[in-house]
PDB file of N, CA and C in Angstrom:
ATOM      1  N   UNK A   1     310.400 185.782  90.723  1.00  0.00           N
ATOM      2  CA  UNK A   1     309.529 184.697  91.122  1.00  0.00           C
ATOM      3  C   UNK A   1     308.101 185.233  91.213  1.00  0.00           C
ATOM      4  N   UNK A   2     307.180 184.576  90.554  1.00  0.00           N
ATOM      5  CA  UNK A   2     305.795 185.019  90.624  1.00  0.00           C
ATOM      6  C   UNK A   2     305.011 184.171  91.617  1.00  0.00           C
ATOM      7  N   UNK A   3     304.008 184.736  92.218  1.00  0.00           N
ATOM      8  CA  UNK A   3     303.228 183.992  93.211  1.00  0.00           C
ATOM      9  C   UNK A   3     302.442 182.858  92.564  1.00  0.00           C
ATOM     10  N   UNK A   4     302.158 181.873  93.348  1.00  0.00           N
ATOM     11  CA  UNK A   4     301.378 180.740  92.845  1.00  0.00           C
ATOM     12  C   UNK A   4     299.970 181.205  92.503  1.00  0.00           C
ATOM     13  N   UNK A   5     299.395 180.565  91.524  1.00  0.00           N
ATOM     14  CA  UNK A   5     298.024 180.925  91.163  1.00  0.00           C
ATOM     15  C   UNK A   5     297.080 180.490  92.288  1.00  0.00           C
ATOM     16  N   UNK A   6     295.955 181.160  92.419  1.00  0.00           N
ATOM     17  CA  UNK A   6     295.017 180.804  93.491  1.00  0.00           C
ATOM     18  C   UNK A   6     294.560 179.348  93.431  1.00  0.00           C
ATOM     19  N   UNK A   7     294.386 178.825  92.227  1.00  0.00           N
ATOM     20  CA  UNK A   7     293.941 177.437  92.102  1.00  0.00           C
ATOM     21  C   UNK A   7     294.971 176.472  92.676  1.00  0.00           C
ATOM     22  N   UNK A   8     296.238 176.723  92.413  1.00  0.00           N
ATOM     23  CA  UNK A   8     297.290 175.853  92.945  1.00  0.00           C
ATOM     24  C   UNK A   8     297.401 176.007  94.455  1.00  0.00           C
ATOM     25  N   UNK A   9     297.238 177.228  94.939  1.00  0.00           N
ATOM     26  CA  UNK A   9     297.311 177.453  96.386  1.00  0.00           C
ATOM     27  C   UNK A   9     296.168 176.730  97.091  1.00  0.00           C
ATOM     28  N   UNK A  10     294.985 176.799  96.520  1.00  0.00           N
ATOM     29  CA  UNK A  10     293.839 176.118  97.129  1.00  0.00           C
ATOM     30  C   UNK A  10     293.979 174.607  97.042  1.00  0.00           C
ATOM     31  N   UNK A  11     294.555 174.125  95.969  1.00  0.00           N
ATOM     32  CA  UNK A  11     294.733 172.682  95.815  1.00  0.00           C
ATOM     33  C   UNK A  11     295.710 172.138  96.845  1.00  0.00           C
ATOM     34  N   UNK A  12     296.594 172.981  97.343  1.00  0.00           N
ATOM     35  CA  UNK A  12     297.567 172.537  98.336  1.00  0.00           C
ATOM     36  C   UNK A  12     296.949 172.393  99.723  1.00  0.00           C
ATOM     37  N   UNK A  13     295.718 172.881  99.896  1.00  0.00           N
ATOM     38  CA  UNK A  13     295.044 172.792 101.194  1.00  0.00           C
ATOM     39  C   UNK A  13     293.954 171.729 101.099  1.00  0.00           C
ATOM     40  N   UNK A  14     294.225 170.529 101.591  1.00  0.00           N
ATOM     41  CA  UNK A  14     293.197 169.489 101.513  1.00  0.00           C
ATOM     42  C   UNK A  14     292.098 169.720 102.551  1.00  0.00           C
ATOM     43  N   UNK A  15     290.907 169.967 102.089  1.00  0.00           N
ATOM     44  CA  UNK A  15     289.768 170.174 102.979  1.00  0.00           C
ATOM     45  C   UNK A  15     288.712 169.145 102.628  1.00  0.00           C
ATOM     46  N   UNK A  16     288.391 168.327 103.600  1.00  0.00           N
ATOM     47  CA  UNK A  16     287.353 167.329 103.380  1.00  0.00           C
ATOM     48  C   UNK A  16     286.050 167.829 103.978  1.00  0.00           C
ATOM     49  N   UNK A  17     284.986 167.159 103.627  1.00  0.00           N
ATOM     50  CA  UNK A  17     283.679 167.505 104.179  1.00  0.00           C
ATOM     51  C   UNK A  17     283.700 167.343 105.694  1.00  0.00           C
ATOM     52  N   UNK A  18     284.378 166.313 106.171  1.00  0.00           N
ATOM     53  CA  UNK A  18     284.466 166.095 107.616  1.00  0.00           C
ATOM     54  C   UNK A  18     285.171 167.263 108.303  1.00  0.00           C
ATOM     55  N   UNK A  19     286.210 167.814 107.676  1.00  0.00           N
ATOM     56  CA  UNK A  19     286.905 168.977 108.236  1.00  0.00           C
ATOM     57  C   UNK A  19     285.972 170.179 108.328  1.00  0.00           C
ATOM     58  N   UNK A  20     285.196 170.394 107.283  1.00  0.00           N
ATOM     59  CA  UNK A  20     284.274 171.525 107.277  1.00  0.00           C
ATOM     60  C   UNK A  20     283.205 171.372 108.353  1.00  0.00           C
ATOM     61  N   UNK A  21     282.675 170.155 108.496  1.00  0.00           N
ATOM     62  CA  UNK A  21     281.663 169.906 109.524  1.00  0.00           C
ATOM     63  C   UNK A  21     282.255 170.120 110.908  1.00  0.00           C
ATOM     64  N   UNK A  22     283.464 169.628 111.115  1.00  0.00           N
ATOM     65  CA  UNK A  22     284.114 169.787 112.417  1.00  0.00           C
ATOM     66  C   UNK A  22     284.333 171.264 112.741  1.00  0.00           C
ATOM     67  N   UNK A  23     284.742 172.043 111.759  1.00  0.00           N
ATOM     68  CA  UNK A  23     284.941 173.481 111.986  1.00  0.00           C
ATOM     69  C   UNK A  23     283.627 174.151 112.374  1.00  0.00           C
ATOM     70  N   UNK A  24     282.551 173.799 111.683  1.00  0.00           N
ATOM     71  CA  UNK A  24     281.240 174.399 111.981  1.00  0.00           C
ATOM     72  C   UNK A  24     280.782 174.023 113.387  1.00  0.00           C
ATOM     73  N   UNK A  25     280.997 172.769 113.767  1.00  0.00           N
ATOM     74  CA  UNK A  25     280.591 172.340 115.106  1.00  0.00           C
ATOM     75  C   UNK A  25     281.404 173.055 116.179  1.00  0.00           C
ATOM     76  N   UNK A  26     282.691 173.226 115.931  1.00  0.00           N
ATOM     77  CA  UNK A  26     283.523 173.957 116.902  1.00  0.00           C
ATOM     78  C   UNK A  26     283.058 175.396 117.031  1.00  0.00           C
ATOM     79  N   UNK A  27     282.716 176.032 115.914  1.00  0.00           N
ATOM     80  CA  UNK A  27     282.240 177.413 115.952  1.00  0.00           C
ATOM     81  C   UNK A  27     280.915 177.491 116.699  1.00  0.00           C
ATOM     82  N   UNK A  28     280.034 176.520 116.463  1.00  0.00           N
ATOM     83  CA  UNK A  28     278.753 176.506 117.166  1.00  0.00           C
ATOM     84  C   UNK A  28     278.964 176.318 118.663  1.00  0.00           C
ATOM     85  N   UNK A  29     279.883 175.437 119.052  1.00  0.00           N
ATOM     86  CA  UNK A  29     280.184 175.232 120.473  1.00  0.00           C
ATOM     87  C   UNK A  29     280.726 176.506 121.097  1.00  0.00           C
ATOM     88  N   UNK A  30     281.595 177.190 120.387  1.00  0.00           N
ATOM     89  CA  UNK A  30     282.177 178.426 120.906  1.00  0.00           C
ATOM     90  C   UNK A  30     281.099 179.489 121.095  1.00  0.00           C
ATOM     91  N   UNK A  31     280.234 179.651 120.101  1.00  0.00           N
ATOM     92  CA  UNK A  31     279.169 180.641 120.204  1.00  0.00           C
ATOM     93  C   UNK A  31     278.203 180.304 121.332  1.00  0.00           C
ATOM     94  N   UNK A  32     277.885 179.020 121.494  1.00  0.00           N
ATOM     95  CA  UNK A  32     276.992 178.602 122.573  1.00  0.00           C
ATOM     96  C   UNK A  32     277.624 178.881 123.929  1.00  0.00           C
ATOM     97  N   UNK A  33     278.917 178.603 124.060  1.00  0.00           N
ATOM     98  CA  UNK A  33     279.616 178.845 125.324  1.00  0.00           C
ATOM     99  C   UNK A  33     279.638 180.336 125.650  1.00  0.00           C
ATOM    100  N   UNK A  34     279.887 181.168 124.661  1.00  0.00           N
ATOM    101  CA  UNK A  34     279.898 182.611 124.897  1.00  0.00           C
ATOM    102  C   UNK A  34     278.511 183.121 125.275  1.00  0.00           C
ATOM    103  N   UNK A  35     277.488 182.625 124.603  1.00  0.00           N
ATOM    104  CA  UNK A  35     276.123 183.048 124.912  1.00  0.00           C
ATOM    105  C   UNK A  35     275.724 182.625 126.317  1.00  0.00           C
ATOM    106  N   UNK A  36     276.045 181.411 126.705  1.00  0.00           N
ATOM    107  CA  UNK A  36     275.683 180.950 128.045  1.00  0.00           C
ATOM    108  C   UNK A  36     276.476 181.701 129.107  1.00  0.00           C
ATOM    109  N   UNK A  37     277.700 182.084 128.796  1.00  0.00           N
ATOM    110  CA  UNK A  37     278.501 182.872 129.736  1.00  0.00           C
ATOM    111  C   UNK A  37     277.869 184.245 129.955  1.00  0.00           C
ATOM    112  N   UNK A  38     277.417 184.874 128.877  1.00  0.00           N
ATOM    113  CA  UNK A  38     276.776 186.185 129.001  1.00  0.00           C
ATOM    114  C   UNK A  38     275.483 186.084 129.793  1.00  0.00           C
ATOM    115  N   UNK A  39     274.713 185.023 129.586  1.00  0.00           N
ATOM    116  CA  UNK A  39     273.467 184.834 130.334  1.00  0.00           C
ATOM    117  C   UNK A  39     273.779 184.644 131.808  1.00  0.00           C
ATOM    118  N   UNK A  40     274.802 183.867 132.109  1.00  0.00           N
ATOM    119  CA  UNK A  40     275.195 183.626 133.498  1.00  0.00           C
ATOM    120  C   UNK A  40     275.658 184.923 134.156  1.00  0.00           C
ATOM    121  N   UNK A  41     276.445 185.717 133.438  1.00  0.00           N
ATOM    122  CA  UNK A  41     276.914 186.996 133.980  1.00  0.00           C
ATOM    123  C   UNK A  41     275.750 187.947 134.216  1.00  0.00           C
ATOM    124  N   UNK A  42     274.806 187.982 133.286  1.00  0.00           N
ATOM    125  CA  UNK A  42     273.651 188.865 133.428  1.00  0.00           C
ATOM    126  C   UNK A  42     272.801 188.444 134.619  1.00  0.00           C
ATOM    127  N   UNK A  43     272.626 187.149 134.796  1.00  0.00           N
ATOM    128  CA  UNK A  43     271.829 186.649 135.916  1.00  0.00           C
ATOM    129  C   UNK A  43     272.515 186.949 137.241  1.00  0.00           C
ATOM    130  N   UNK A  44     273.822 186.776 137.300  1.00  0.00           N
ATOM    131  CA  UNK A  44     274.534 187.020 138.556  1.00  0.00           C
ATOM    132  C   UNK A  44     274.600 188.509 138.870  1.00  0.00           C
ATOM    133  N   UNK A  45     274.729 189.354 137.861  1.00  0.00           N
ATOM    134  CA  UNK A  45     274.756 190.794 138.134  1.00  0.00           C
ATOM    135  C   UNK A  45     273.367 191.285 138.517  1.00  0.00           C
ATOM    136  N   UNK A  46     272.329 190.686 137.951  1.00  0.00           N
ATOM    137  CA  UNK A  46     270.958 191.038 138.328  1.00  0.00           C
ATOM    138  C   UNK A  46     270.648 190.626 139.751  1.00  0.00           C
ATOM    139  N   UNK A  47     271.157 189.479 140.167  1.00  0.00           N
ATOM    140  CA  UNK A  47     270.940 188.998 141.530  1.00  0.00           C
ATOM    141  C   UNK A  47     271.713 189.851 142.528  1.00  0.00           C
ATOM    142  N   UNK A  48     272.862 190.364 142.125  1.00  0.00           N
ATOM    143  CA  UNK A  48     273.678 191.185 143.023  1.00  0.00           C
ATOM    144  C   UNK A  48     273.036 192.550 143.255  1.00  0.00           C
ATOM    145  N   UNK A  49     272.263 193.035 142.281  1.00  0.00           N
ATOM    146  CA  UNK A  49     271.621 194.346 142.416  1.00  0.00           C
ATOM    147  C   UNK A  49     270.431 194.307 143.364  1.00  0.00           C
ATOM    148  N   UNK A  50     269.830 193.135 143.550  1.00  0.00           N
ATOM    149  CA  UNK A  50     268.624 193.035 144.390  1.00  0.00           C
ATOM    150  C   UNK A  50     268.936 193.083 145.843  1.00  0.00           C
TER     151      UNK A  50
END
């Protein structure tokens, strides 16, 4: 048995523009949440040192 060609494998994955936009927005939300968490941690650790 030979593996499916890449074109057939990709054709089996339906990706719409809306799916791509949603993925990008989720990634942006995740990055924003991580950045704000680091800022909050830095601010709280700076306040604890004073």
